[in-house]
Amino acid sequence: MKKAILLVAALSSLVLMGCSAQEKQDIKAGFRDIGHATRDASKATGHFFRDTTKDVIKNAKETTSSNDS
């Protein structure tokens, strides 16, 4: 297992060493875009569940309070 990880790391290093500075910048920008998209999707998902939970609690309170009347 460790040999496979070391092999992948070595090959990745060789590929990056052969890249020009502009290609390295493009690779970094690509990873940054992926990171931002992941962050935005996580934030949107969290907001969806937060809002849905608030709605469920509100509906449950309304239902139980209308049953008491």
C-alpha atoms as a PDB file:
ATOM      1  CA  MET A   1       0.000   0.000   0.000  1.00  0.00           C
ATOM      2  CA  LYS A   2       2.769   2.444   0.931  1.00  0.00           C
ATOM      3  CA  LYS A   3       4.643   1.594  -2.254  1.00  0.00           C
ATOM      4  CA  ALA A   4       1.613   2.480  -4.355  1.00  0.00           C
ATOM      5  CA  ILE A   5       1.206   5.828  -2.583  1.00  0.00           C
ATOM      6  CA  LEU A   6       4.886   6.614  -3.018  1.00  0.00           C
ATOM      7  CA  LEU A   7       4.709   5.669  -6.693  1.00  0.00           C
ATOM      8  CA  VAL A   8       1.728   7.957  -7.281  1.00  0.00           C
ATOM      9  CA  ALA A   9       3.456  10.794  -5.419  1.00  0.00           C
ATOM     10  CA  ALA A  10       6.628  10.318  -7.441  1.00  0.00           C
ATOM     11  CA  LEU A  11       4.767  10.274 -10.750  1.00  0.00           C
ATOM     12  CA  SER A  12       2.797  13.370  -9.775  1.00  0.00           C
ATOM     13  CA  SER A  13       6.011  15.146  -8.886  1.00  0.00           C
ATOM     14  CA  LEU A  14       7.570  14.240 -12.217  1.00  0.00           C
ATOM     15  CA  VAL A  15       4.528  15.512 -14.103  1.00  0.00           C
ATOM     16  CA  LEU A  16       4.558  18.812 -12.209  1.00  0.00           C
ATOM     17  CA  MET A  17       8.302  19.237 -12.720  1.00  0.00           C
ATOM     18  CA  GLY A  18       7.758  18.954 -16.466  1.00  0.00           C
ATOM     19  CA  CYS A  19       5.056  21.614 -16.507  1.00  0.00           C
ATOM     20  CA  SER A  20       5.713  25.241 -17.322  1.00  0.00           C
ATOM     21  CA  ALA A  21       5.007  27.938 -14.767  1.00  0.00           C
ATOM     22  CA  GLN A  22       1.822  28.918 -16.602  1.00  0.00           C
ATOM     23  CA  GLU A  23       0.573  25.325 -16.606  1.00  0.00           C
ATOM     24  CA  LYS A  24       1.235  25.110 -12.864  1.00  0.00           C
ATOM     25  CA  GLN A  25      -0.759  28.305 -12.339  1.00  0.00           C
ATOM     26  CA  ASP A  26      -3.608  26.832 -14.405  1.00  0.00           C
ATOM     27  CA  ILE A  27      -3.535  23.642 -12.337  1.00  0.00           C
ATOM     28  CA  LYS A  28      -3.651  25.672  -9.105  1.00  0.00           C
ATOM     29  CA  ALA A  29      -6.523  27.774 -10.465  1.00  0.00           C
ATOM     30  CA  GLY A  30      -8.411  24.615 -11.392  1.00  0.00           C
ATOM     31  CA  PHE A  31      -8.041  23.191  -7.898  1.00  0.00           C
ATOM     32  CA  ARG A  32      -9.069  26.551  -6.422  1.00  0.00           C
ATOM     33  CA  ASP A  33     -12.212  26.565  -8.592  1.00  0.00           C
ATOM     34  CA  ILE A  34     -13.025  23.027  -7.469  1.00  0.00           C
ATOM     35  CA  GLY A  35     -12.509  24.043  -3.855  1.00  0.00           C
ATOM     36  CA  HIS A  36     -14.766  27.069  -4.219  1.00  0.00           C
ATOM     37  CA  ALA A  37     -17.474  25.040  -5.945  1.00  0.00           C
ATOM     38  CA  THR A  38     -17.306  22.442  -3.177  1.00  0.00           C
ATOM     39  CA  ARG A  39     -17.523  25.153  -0.511  1.00  0.00           C
ATOM     40  CA  ASP A  40     -20.493  26.789  -2.228  1.00  0.00           C
ATOM     41  CA  ALA A  41     -22.318  23.480  -2.635  1.00  0.00           C
ATOM     42  CA  SER A  42     -21.724  22.615   1.019  1.00  0.00           C
ATOM     43  CA  LYS A  43     -22.993  26.010   2.114  1.00  0.00           C
ATOM     44  CA  ALA A  44     -26.120  25.713  -0.060  1.00  0.00           C
ATOM     45  CA  THR A  45     -26.811  22.205   1.233  1.00  0.00           C
ATOM     46  CA  GLY A  46     -26.406  23.353   4.827  1.00  0.00           C
ATOM     47  CA  HIS A  47     -28.774  26.260   4.268  1.00  0.00           C
ATOM     48  CA  PHE A  48     -31.312  23.947   2.637  1.00  0.00           C
ATOM     49  CA  PHE A  49     -31.324  21.588   5.622  1.00  0.00           C
ATOM     50  CA  ARG A  50     -31.345  24.486   8.100  1.00  0.00           C
ATOM     51  CA  ASP A  51     -34.343  26.096   6.407  1.00  0.00           C
ATOM     52  CA  THR A  52     -36.162  22.786   5.978  1.00  0.00           C
ATOM     53  CA  THR A  53     -35.664  21.963   9.663  1.00  0.00           C
ATOM     54  CA  LYS A  54     -36.988  25.388  10.683  1.00  0.00           C
ATOM     55  CA  ASP A  55     -40.078  24.833   8.505  1.00  0.00           C
ATOM     56  CA  VAL A  56     -40.697  21.374   9.959  1.00  0.00           C
ATOM     57  CA  ILE A  57     -40.411  22.659  13.531  1.00  0.00           C
ATOM     58  CA  LYS A  58     -42.702  25.611  12.749  1.00  0.00           C
ATOM     59  CA  ASN A  59     -45.296  23.313  11.148  1.00  0.00           C
ATOM     60  CA  ALA A  60     -45.122  20.893  14.073  1.00  0.00           C
ATOM     61  CA  LYS A  61     -45.650  23.727  16.563  1.00  0.00           C
ATOM     62  CA  GLU A  62     -48.598  25.073  14.555  1.00  0.00           C
ATOM     63  CA  THR A  63     -50.142  21.627  14.341  1.00  0.00           C
ATOM     64  CA  THR A  64     -49.794  20.918  18.039  1.00  0.00           C
ATOM     65  CA  SER A  65     -51.055  24.364  19.031  1.00  0.00           C
ATOM     66  CA  SER A  66     -54.121  24.068  16.772  1.00  0.00           C
ATOM     67  CA  ASN A  67     -54.920  20.663  18.328  1.00  0.00           C
ATOM     68  CA  ASP A  68     -54.954  22.261  21.789  1.00  0.00           C
ATOM     69  CA  SER A  69     -57.633  24.793  20.765  1.00  0.00           C
END
